[in-house]
């Protein structure tokens, strides 16, 4: 079992909602598919966090997000999200599944009224987008991520 608490809780947005985790708590879990790690949203603004997942031997990083922006900047926000996930993948050499909320609005705080852009992205270890979900609208993306290489003997 793997539990991860968001480290960067964005003081003006979500810090009042839950207690933050720490970078020392970042871990991975062995699954029947390979070793997997989790980071959450703004945790990835510090590349050391997803890099720790890679350093612990993961081949896949799952990272849910809530990228949001003013309606007038929403398209740019979607493109920024895609580029963000590609950058994390390229720097860590991991497969990265970056989910992002679509068709919803931030309800309170500093970003009240901002919209989520969608564009959930799967990026390969070279930092290329392998699959991208729809802009704004909910989407189900099915993609066959290649199995990780066998561990060294």
N, C-alpha and C. Protein backbone atom coordinates (compact mmCIF):
# COMPACT_ATOMS: atom_id res chain seq x y z
N UNK A 1 0.85 -1.17 0.00
CA UNK A 1 0.00 0.00 0.00
C UNK A 1 0.90 1.24 0.00
N UNK A 2 0.47 2.26 -0.74
CA UNK A 2 1.23 3.51 -0.83
C UNK A 2 0.30 4.67 -0.49
N UNK A 3 0.76 5.52 0.40
CA UNK A 3 0.00 6.72 0.75
C UNK A 3 0.92 7.92 0.52
N UNK A 4 0.38 8.94 -0.13
CA UNK A 4 1.14 10.16 -0.35
C UNK A 4 0.28 11.36 0.03
N UNK A 5 0.80 12.23 0.85
CA UNK A 5 0.12 13.48 1.20
C UNK A 5 0.77 14.59 0.39
N UNK A 6 -0.06 15.43 -0.21
CA UNK A 6 0.45 16.55 -1.00
C UNK A 6 1.43 17.37 -0.16
N UNK A 7 2.58 17.67 -0.74
CA UNK A 7 3.63 18.39 -0.02
C UNK A 7 3.44 19.90 -0.16
N UNK A 8 3.28 20.36 -1.38
CA UNK A 8 3.12 21.78 -1.66
C UNK A 8 1.62 22.09 -1.70
N UNK A 9 1.08 22.52 -0.57
CA UNK A 9 -0.37 22.73 -0.46
C UNK A 9 -0.82 24.11 -0.92
N UNK A 10 0.07 24.90 -1.52
CA UNK A 10 -0.27 26.24 -2.03
C UNK A 10 -1.01 27.05 -0.96
N UNK A 11 -0.29 27.78 -0.15
CA UNK A 11 -0.86 28.46 1.01
C UNK A 11 -2.15 29.24 0.76
N UNK A 12 -2.26 29.88 -0.39
CA UNK A 12 -3.46 30.68 -0.66
C UNK A 12 -4.62 29.86 -1.23
N UNK A 13 -4.41 28.57 -1.42
CA UNK A 13 -5.44 27.79 -2.10
C UNK A 13 -5.93 26.59 -1.30
N UNK A 14 -5.03 25.71 -0.89
CA UNK A 14 -5.49 24.47 -0.28
C UNK A 14 -4.89 24.17 1.09
N UNK A 15 -3.97 24.98 1.58
CA UNK A 15 -3.30 24.68 2.85
C UNK A 15 -4.30 24.55 4.00
N UNK A 16 -5.41 25.26 3.93
CA UNK A 16 -6.41 25.19 5.00
C UNK A 16 -7.27 23.93 4.92
N UNK A 17 -7.15 23.17 3.86
CA UNK A 17 -8.00 22.00 3.67
C UNK A 17 -7.42 20.72 4.29
N UNK A 18 -6.11 20.60 4.34
CA UNK A 18 -5.50 19.38 4.86
C UNK A 18 -4.06 19.63 5.27
N UNK A 19 -3.52 18.70 6.03
CA UNK A 19 -2.14 18.78 6.47
C UNK A 19 -1.22 18.32 5.35
N UNK A 20 -0.13 19.04 5.18
CA UNK A 20 0.83 18.71 4.14
C UNK A 20 1.69 17.52 4.54
N UNK A 21 2.16 16.80 3.53
CA UNK A 21 3.14 15.76 3.74
C UNK A 21 4.54 16.36 3.67
N UNK A 22 5.55 15.51 3.66
CA UNK A 22 6.93 15.98 3.55
C UNK A 22 7.64 15.20 2.44
N UNK A 23 8.70 15.78 1.94
CA UNK A 23 9.48 15.12 0.89
C UNK A 23 10.06 13.79 1.39
N UNK A 24 10.32 13.69 2.68
CA UNK A 24 10.87 12.45 3.23
C UNK A 24 9.85 11.30 3.13
N UNK A 25 8.57 11.63 3.00
CA UNK A 25 7.52 10.61 2.92
C UNK A 25 7.33 10.05 1.51
N UNK A 26 7.94 10.65 0.50
CA UNK A 26 7.77 10.16 -0.87
C UNK A 26 8.28 8.73 -0.94
N UNK A 27 7.45 7.86 -1.54
CA UNK A 27 7.83 6.45 -1.63
C UNK A 27 7.25 5.85 -2.90
N UNK A 28 7.51 4.60 -3.12
CA UNK A 28 7.00 3.86 -4.27
C UNK A 28 6.40 2.55 -3.77
N UNK A 29 5.67 1.89 -4.66
CA UNK A 29 5.08 0.61 -4.31
C UNK A 29 5.28 -0.35 -5.49
N UNK A 30 5.58 -1.61 -5.16
CA UNK A 30 5.70 -2.63 -6.19
C UNK A 30 4.32 -3.20 -6.47
N UNK A 31 3.94 -3.19 -7.75
CA UNK A 31 2.66 -3.73 -8.18
C UNK A 31 2.92 -4.85 -9.17
N UNK A 32 1.88 -5.53 -9.59
CA UNK A 32 2.05 -6.58 -10.59
C UNK A 32 2.51 -6.01 -11.93
N UNK A 33 2.40 -4.69 -12.10
CA UNK A 33 2.79 -4.04 -13.35
C UNK A 33 4.18 -3.44 -13.28
N UNK A 34 4.74 -3.32 -12.09
CA UNK A 34 6.04 -2.68 -11.91
C UNK A 34 5.99 -1.72 -10.74
N UNK A 35 7.08 -1.05 -10.49
CA UNK A 35 7.17 -0.11 -9.37
C UNK A 35 6.58 1.24 -9.77
N UNK A 36 5.69 1.76 -8.92
CA UNK A 36 4.91 2.95 -9.20
C UNK A 36 5.04 3.95 -8.05
N UNK A 37 5.05 5.24 -8.38
CA UNK A 37 5.06 6.29 -7.37
C UNK A 37 3.96 7.30 -7.63
N UNK A 38 3.68 8.11 -6.61
CA UNK A 38 2.63 9.12 -6.69
C UNK A 38 3.16 10.44 -6.15
N UNK A 39 2.88 11.51 -6.87
CA UNK A 39 3.05 12.86 -6.36
C UNK A 39 1.77 13.60 -6.73
N UNK A 40 1.48 14.70 -6.07
CA UNK A 40 0.22 15.40 -6.30
C UNK A 40 0.47 16.84 -6.73
N UNK A 41 -0.05 17.20 -7.86
CA UNK A 41 -0.17 18.56 -8.38
C UNK A 41 1.10 19.39 -8.16
N UNK A 42 1.03 20.38 -7.32
CA UNK A 42 2.14 21.33 -7.13
C UNK A 42 3.40 20.68 -6.56
N UNK A 43 3.30 19.44 -6.08
CA UNK A 43 4.52 18.73 -5.64
C UNK A 43 5.54 18.69 -6.78
N UNK A 44 5.03 18.67 -8.02
CA UNK A 44 5.90 18.52 -9.18
C UNK A 44 6.56 19.82 -9.62
N UNK A 45 6.21 20.95 -8.99
CA UNK A 45 6.91 22.20 -9.30
C UNK A 45 8.34 22.15 -8.80
N UNK A 46 8.60 21.30 -7.81
CA UNK A 46 9.96 21.03 -7.33
C UNK A 46 10.36 19.69 -7.93
N UNK A 47 11.19 19.69 -8.95
CA UNK A 47 11.52 18.47 -9.69
C UNK A 47 12.15 17.41 -8.79
N UNK A 48 12.68 17.82 -7.64
CA UNK A 48 13.26 16.85 -6.71
C UNK A 48 12.22 15.83 -6.23
N UNK A 49 10.94 16.24 -6.16
CA UNK A 49 9.90 15.32 -5.67
C UNK A 49 9.66 14.18 -6.66
N UNK A 50 9.33 14.45 -7.92
CA UNK A 50 9.19 13.31 -8.84
C UNK A 50 10.52 12.60 -9.10
N UNK A 51 11.63 13.32 -8.99
CA UNK A 51 12.94 12.67 -9.18
C UNK A 51 13.18 11.63 -8.09
N UNK A 52 12.71 11.91 -6.88
CA UNK A 52 12.87 10.92 -5.81
C UNK A 52 12.13 9.64 -6.15
N UNK A 53 10.95 9.76 -6.77
CA UNK A 53 10.20 8.58 -7.21
C UNK A 53 11.05 7.78 -8.20
N UNK A 54 11.69 8.47 -9.14
CA UNK A 54 12.57 7.80 -10.11
C UNK A 54 13.76 7.15 -9.41
N UNK A 55 14.36 7.88 -8.48
CA UNK A 55 15.53 7.37 -7.77
C UNK A 55 15.20 6.12 -6.94
N UNK A 56 13.94 5.98 -6.53
CA UNK A 56 13.50 4.81 -5.78
C UNK A 56 13.15 3.64 -6.70
N UNK A 57 13.39 3.81 -8.00
CA UNK A 57 13.25 2.69 -8.93
C UNK A 57 11.92 2.56 -9.64
N UNK A 58 11.07 3.57 -9.54
CA UNK A 58 9.78 3.50 -10.24
C UNK A 58 9.99 3.61 -11.74
N UNK A 59 9.06 3.12 -12.50
CA UNK A 59 9.04 3.31 -13.96
C UNK A 59 7.84 4.16 -14.35
N UNK A 60 6.89 4.32 -13.39
CA UNK A 60 5.66 5.05 -13.66
C UNK A 60 5.35 5.99 -12.50
N UNK A 61 5.01 7.23 -12.84
CA UNK A 61 4.58 8.22 -11.86
C UNK A 61 3.13 8.59 -12.18
N UNK A 62 2.27 8.46 -11.19
CA UNK A 62 0.88 8.89 -11.33
C UNK A 62 0.73 10.18 -10.54
N UNK A 63 0.24 11.22 -11.22
CA UNK A 63 0.20 12.52 -10.58
C UNK A 63 -1.07 13.29 -10.92
N UNK A 64 -2.06 13.23 -10.02
CA UNK A 64 -3.29 13.99 -10.23
C UNK A 64 -3.06 15.49 -10.00
N UNK A 65 -3.74 16.30 -10.82
CA UNK A 65 -3.59 17.75 -10.76
C UNK A 65 -4.94 18.45 -10.77
N UNK A 66 -4.88 19.73 -10.47
CA UNK A 66 -6.04 20.61 -10.60
C UNK A 66 -5.59 21.94 -11.19
N UNK A 67 -4.92 21.90 -12.35
CA UNK A 67 -4.48 23.13 -13.02
C UNK A 67 -5.71 23.97 -13.35
N UNK A 68 -5.70 25.22 -12.93
CA UNK A 68 -6.85 26.10 -13.17
C UNK A 68 -6.36 27.49 -13.57
N UNK A 69 -7.23 28.21 -14.26
CA UNK A 69 -6.88 29.55 -14.75
C UNK A 69 -8.15 30.34 -15.03
N UNK A 70 -7.99 31.65 -15.17
CA UNK A 70 -9.12 32.49 -15.59
C UNK A 70 -9.61 32.01 -16.95
N UNK A 71 -10.89 32.15 -17.20
CA UNK A 71 -11.48 31.68 -18.45
C UNK A 71 -10.71 32.22 -19.66
N UNK A 72 -10.29 33.47 -19.62
CA UNK A 72 -9.61 34.09 -20.76
C UNK A 72 -8.25 33.45 -21.06
N UNK A 73 -7.66 32.77 -20.07
CA UNK A 73 -6.34 32.16 -20.24
C UNK A 73 -6.40 30.63 -20.22
N UNK A 74 -7.60 30.09 -20.36
CA UNK A 74 -7.78 28.65 -20.18
C UNK A 74 -7.05 27.81 -21.22
N UNK A 75 -7.06 28.20 -22.47
CA UNK A 75 -6.37 27.43 -23.50
C UNK A 75 -4.87 27.39 -23.23
N UNK A 76 -4.30 28.53 -22.88
CA UNK A 76 -2.87 28.57 -22.53
C UNK A 76 -2.59 27.67 -21.33
N UNK A 77 -3.54 27.61 -20.38
CA UNK A 77 -3.38 26.78 -19.20
C UNK A 77 -3.32 25.30 -19.59
N UNK A 78 -4.16 24.89 -20.54
CA UNK A 78 -4.14 23.50 -21.01
C UNK A 78 -2.80 23.15 -21.64
N UNK A 79 -2.29 24.05 -22.46
CA UNK A 79 -0.99 23.84 -23.10
C UNK A 79 0.11 23.81 -22.04
N UNK A 80 0.04 24.69 -21.05
CA UNK A 80 1.03 24.71 -19.96
C UNK A 80 1.01 23.39 -19.19
N UNK A 81 -0.20 22.85 -18.96
CA UNK A 81 -0.30 21.59 -18.24
C UNK A 81 0.37 20.46 -19.03
N UNK A 82 0.07 20.37 -20.31
CA UNK A 82 0.68 19.33 -21.15
C UNK A 82 2.21 19.46 -21.10
N UNK A 83 2.72 20.66 -21.25
CA UNK A 83 4.17 20.88 -21.23
C UNK A 83 4.77 20.55 -19.87
N UNK A 84 4.03 20.83 -18.81
CA UNK A 84 4.47 20.52 -17.45
C UNK A 84 4.68 19.01 -17.28
N UNK A 85 3.70 18.22 -17.72
CA UNK A 85 3.80 16.77 -17.59
C UNK A 85 4.94 16.23 -18.46
N UNK A 86 5.08 16.74 -19.67
CA UNK A 86 6.18 16.31 -20.55
C UNK A 86 7.54 16.63 -19.91
N UNK A 87 7.65 17.79 -19.29
CA UNK A 87 8.91 18.19 -18.65
C UNK A 87 9.26 17.26 -17.48
N UNK A 88 8.25 16.93 -16.66
CA UNK A 88 8.50 16.01 -15.54
C UNK A 88 8.97 14.66 -16.07
N UNK A 89 8.33 14.16 -17.11
CA UNK A 89 8.72 12.88 -17.70
C UNK A 89 10.16 12.93 -18.24
N UNK A 90 10.47 13.97 -18.98
CA UNK A 90 11.80 14.08 -19.59
C UNK A 90 12.89 14.18 -18.53
N UNK A 91 12.65 14.96 -17.49
CA UNK A 91 13.68 15.14 -16.46
C UNK A 91 13.88 13.90 -15.61
N UNK A 92 12.80 13.15 -15.37
CA UNK A 92 12.89 11.97 -14.50
C UNK A 92 13.12 10.67 -15.27
N UNK A 93 12.88 10.70 -16.58
CA UNK A 93 12.96 9.50 -17.43
C UNK A 93 11.90 8.46 -17.03
N UNK A 94 10.77 8.93 -16.51
CA UNK A 94 9.65 8.07 -16.12
C UNK A 94 8.51 8.20 -17.11
N UNK A 95 7.66 7.19 -17.18
CA UNK A 95 6.34 7.36 -17.76
C UNK A 95 5.57 8.17 -16.74
N UNK A 96 4.87 9.21 -17.18
CA UNK A 96 4.10 10.05 -16.26
C UNK A 96 2.66 10.13 -16.73
N UNK A 97 1.75 9.77 -15.84
CA UNK A 97 0.32 9.91 -16.09
C UNK A 97 -0.14 11.10 -15.26
N UNK A 98 -0.37 12.22 -15.95
CA UNK A 98 -0.80 13.45 -15.29
C UNK A 98 -2.28 13.69 -15.56
N UNK A 99 -3.09 13.43 -14.56
CA UNK A 99 -4.52 13.68 -14.73
C UNK A 99 -4.81 15.12 -14.34
N UNK A 100 -5.80 15.72 -14.99
CA UNK A 100 -6.19 17.09 -14.66
C UNK A 100 -7.71 17.19 -14.72
N UNK A 101 -8.25 17.90 -13.78
CA UNK A 101 -9.69 18.11 -13.70
C UNK A 101 -10.18 18.84 -14.95
N UNK A 102 -11.36 18.47 -15.40
CA UNK A 102 -12.00 19.15 -16.52
C UNK A 102 -13.43 19.48 -16.17
N UNK A 103 -13.97 20.49 -16.81
CA UNK A 103 -15.38 20.87 -16.66
C UNK A 103 -15.75 21.20 -15.21
N UNK A 104 -14.87 21.90 -14.51
CA UNK A 104 -15.20 22.32 -13.15
C UNK A 104 -14.55 23.67 -12.85
N UNK A 105 -15.04 24.29 -11.80
CA UNK A 105 -14.59 25.62 -11.42
C UNK A 105 -14.14 25.60 -9.96
N UNK A 106 -13.06 26.31 -9.64
CA UNK A 106 -12.58 26.41 -8.27
C UNK A 106 -13.64 27.16 -7.46
N UNK A 107 -14.04 26.59 -6.32
CA UNK A 107 -15.17 27.10 -5.55
C UNK A 107 -14.82 28.22 -4.57
N UNK A 108 -13.57 28.31 -4.14
CA UNK A 108 -13.26 29.32 -3.14
C UNK A 108 -11.79 29.70 -3.12
N UNK A 109 -11.46 30.60 -2.23
CA UNK A 109 -10.07 31.02 -2.08
C UNK A 109 -9.63 31.99 -3.16
N UNK A 110 -8.32 32.16 -3.25
CA UNK A 110 -7.71 33.12 -4.17
C UNK A 110 -8.07 32.84 -5.63
N UNK A 111 -8.30 31.58 -5.98
CA UNK A 111 -8.59 31.21 -7.37
C UNK A 111 -10.07 30.98 -7.62
N UNK A 112 -10.92 31.48 -6.75
CA UNK A 112 -12.37 31.30 -6.91
C UNK A 112 -12.79 31.74 -8.32
N UNK A 113 -13.55 30.87 -8.98
CA UNK A 113 -14.03 31.16 -10.33
C UNK A 113 -13.11 30.71 -11.45
N UNK A 114 -11.87 30.35 -11.12
CA UNK A 114 -10.96 29.84 -12.14
C UNK A 114 -11.48 28.49 -12.63
N UNK A 115 -11.23 28.17 -13.90
CA UNK A 115 -11.68 26.92 -14.49
C UNK A 115 -10.51 25.95 -14.64
N UNK A 116 -10.83 24.67 -14.60
CA UNK A 116 -9.83 23.63 -14.85
C UNK A 116 -9.81 23.32 -16.34
N UNK A 117 -8.62 23.09 -16.89
CA UNK A 117 -8.46 23.00 -18.33
C UNK A 117 -8.54 21.59 -18.91
N UNK A 118 -8.53 20.57 -18.06
CA UNK A 118 -8.51 19.22 -18.62
C UNK A 118 -7.15 18.93 -19.24
N UNK A 119 -7.13 18.29 -20.40
CA UNK A 119 -5.89 17.95 -21.11
C UNK A 119 -5.01 16.96 -20.33
N UNK A 120 -5.64 16.02 -19.60
CA UNK A 120 -4.85 14.99 -18.93
C UNK A 120 -3.86 14.42 -19.94
N UNK A 121 -2.64 14.15 -19.46
CA UNK A 121 -1.55 13.79 -20.37
C UNK A 121 -0.78 12.58 -19.88
N UNK A 122 -0.45 11.70 -20.81
CA UNK A 122 0.50 10.62 -20.54
C UNK A 122 1.74 10.95 -21.35
N UNK A 123 2.88 11.04 -20.66
CA UNK A 123 4.14 11.36 -21.33
C UNK A 123 5.11 10.20 -21.16
N UNK A 124 5.89 9.97 -22.21
CA UNK A 124 6.87 8.89 -22.17
C UNK A 124 8.17 9.38 -21.54
N UNK A 125 9.10 8.47 -21.24
CA UNK A 125 10.35 8.86 -20.57
C UNK A 125 11.22 9.84 -21.36
N UNK A 126 10.97 10.02 -22.65
CA UNK A 126 11.71 11.00 -23.44
C UNK A 126 11.05 12.38 -23.37
N UNK A 127 9.91 12.47 -22.69
CA UNK A 127 9.22 13.75 -22.56
C UNK A 127 8.28 14.06 -23.71
N UNK A 128 7.86 13.05 -24.43
CA UNK A 128 6.91 13.24 -25.53
C UNK A 128 5.52 12.84 -25.06
N UNK A 129 4.52 13.58 -25.49
CA UNK A 129 3.13 13.24 -25.14
C UNK A 129 2.72 11.98 -25.90
N UNK A 130 2.33 10.95 -25.16
CA UNK A 130 1.88 9.70 -25.76
C UNK A 130 0.36 9.70 -25.91
N UNK A 131 -0.34 10.44 -25.05
CA UNK A 131 -1.80 10.55 -25.12
C UNK A 131 -2.21 11.82 -24.38
N UNK A 132 -3.24 12.49 -24.91
CA UNK A 132 -3.75 13.72 -24.29
C UNK A 132 -5.28 13.66 -24.27
N UNK A 133 -5.84 13.94 -23.11
CA UNK A 133 -7.29 13.99 -22.98
C UNK A 133 -7.85 15.29 -23.54
N UNK A 134 -9.16 15.34 -23.64
CA UNK A 134 -9.83 16.51 -24.21
C UNK A 134 -9.64 17.76 -23.35
N UNK A 135 -9.70 18.89 -24.02
CA UNK A 135 -9.66 20.20 -23.39
C UNK A 135 -11.00 20.46 -22.72
N UNK A 136 -10.98 20.83 -21.46
CA UNK A 136 -12.12 21.18 -20.61
C UNK A 136 -13.05 19.99 -20.33
N UNK A 137 -13.47 19.28 -21.34
CA UNK A 137 -14.47 18.22 -21.20
C UNK A 137 -13.87 16.97 -20.53
N UNK A 138 -14.69 16.26 -19.76
CA UNK A 138 -14.22 14.98 -19.21
C UNK A 138 -13.87 14.02 -20.35
N UNK A 139 -12.95 13.13 -20.09
CA UNK A 139 -12.51 12.21 -21.12
C UNK A 139 -11.97 10.95 -20.45
N UNK A 140 -12.14 9.83 -21.11
CA UNK A 140 -11.54 8.58 -20.69
C UNK A 140 -10.48 8.23 -21.72
N UNK A 141 -9.23 8.21 -21.29
CA UNK A 141 -8.12 7.90 -22.18
C UNK A 141 -7.61 6.51 -21.81
N UNK A 142 -7.57 5.64 -22.78
CA UNK A 142 -7.02 4.30 -22.58
C UNK A 142 -5.75 4.21 -23.41
N UNK A 143 -4.66 3.89 -22.74
CA UNK A 143 -3.37 3.84 -23.40
C UNK A 143 -2.56 2.69 -22.82
N UNK A 144 -1.93 1.92 -23.65
CA UNK A 144 -1.14 0.77 -23.21
C UNK A 144 0.30 1.22 -22.99
N UNK A 145 0.66 1.43 -21.74
CA UNK A 145 2.04 1.81 -21.40
C UNK A 145 2.89 0.54 -21.44
N UNK A 146 4.00 0.57 -22.18
CA UNK A 146 4.84 -0.63 -22.25
C UNK A 146 5.31 -1.07 -20.87
N UNK A 147 5.41 -2.37 -20.69
CA UNK A 147 5.87 -2.93 -19.42
C UNK A 147 7.29 -2.46 -19.13
N UNK A 148 7.61 -2.31 -17.86
CA UNK A 148 8.98 -1.89 -17.51
C UNK A 148 9.97 -3.02 -17.81
N UNK A 149 11.21 -2.66 -17.99
CA UNK A 149 12.22 -3.70 -18.20
C UNK A 149 12.36 -4.54 -16.92
N UNK A 150 12.77 -5.80 -17.06
CA UNK A 150 12.95 -6.62 -15.85
C UNK A 150 14.07 -6.05 -14.98
N UNK A 151 13.95 -6.24 -13.66
CA UNK A 151 15.01 -5.73 -12.77
C UNK A 151 16.33 -6.45 -13.02
N UNK A 152 17.43 -5.77 -12.80
CA UNK A 152 18.75 -6.41 -12.99
C UNK A 152 18.93 -7.54 -11.98
N UNK A 153 19.65 -8.55 -12.41
CA UNK A 153 19.87 -9.71 -11.51
C UNK A 153 21.15 -9.58 -10.76
